[in-house]
């Protein structure tokens, strides 16, 4: 099988020298070719990779495909969504932290989506203030307790490589 025909997948987890890679058909626990490490490259969660030896006990990552973005902390690649999760109460909404995280995301040229949890505890005034302050960014109000807004959140996350940040 030529390299161009080798299956590709998305690195979804790393533990020690093993990488969980999801393809359209299955999930594999893989190792990487030594030439990747010797070439000074490292595999990150979010990398799109080419796989070989799928029939073996440990398939091998043979190539890291070109990256669209790289974050240093956390060490992830190809992120196209940052979900900023913040409680509205218990603990209180932390506008200073939200502002700092937004600045970091914009510096990395990533668009944040702000997810406000515990929406079932929020009064109208707080929701109106959050919408006024942060309405230039996509906002999702959810309640893990009642399930409110979770379908909207799922729609936002579909087919995205997402990093979570917040408190």
Foldseek 3Di string as FASTA:
>chain_A
DDQVPFFKFFFADDDDQWTWTDGPVGIAIAGEDVVCVVVVHDDFGGWIFGWPDPVDNHIYGDGTDDFPFADVVVGHTNAAEEEEEAECVPPHGDVVVVVVVCVVCVVRVHAYEYEYEPLVPDDPVSVVVCCVVPVVGHYFYAYPVVGPRVVVVVVVPPPGDYHYHYD
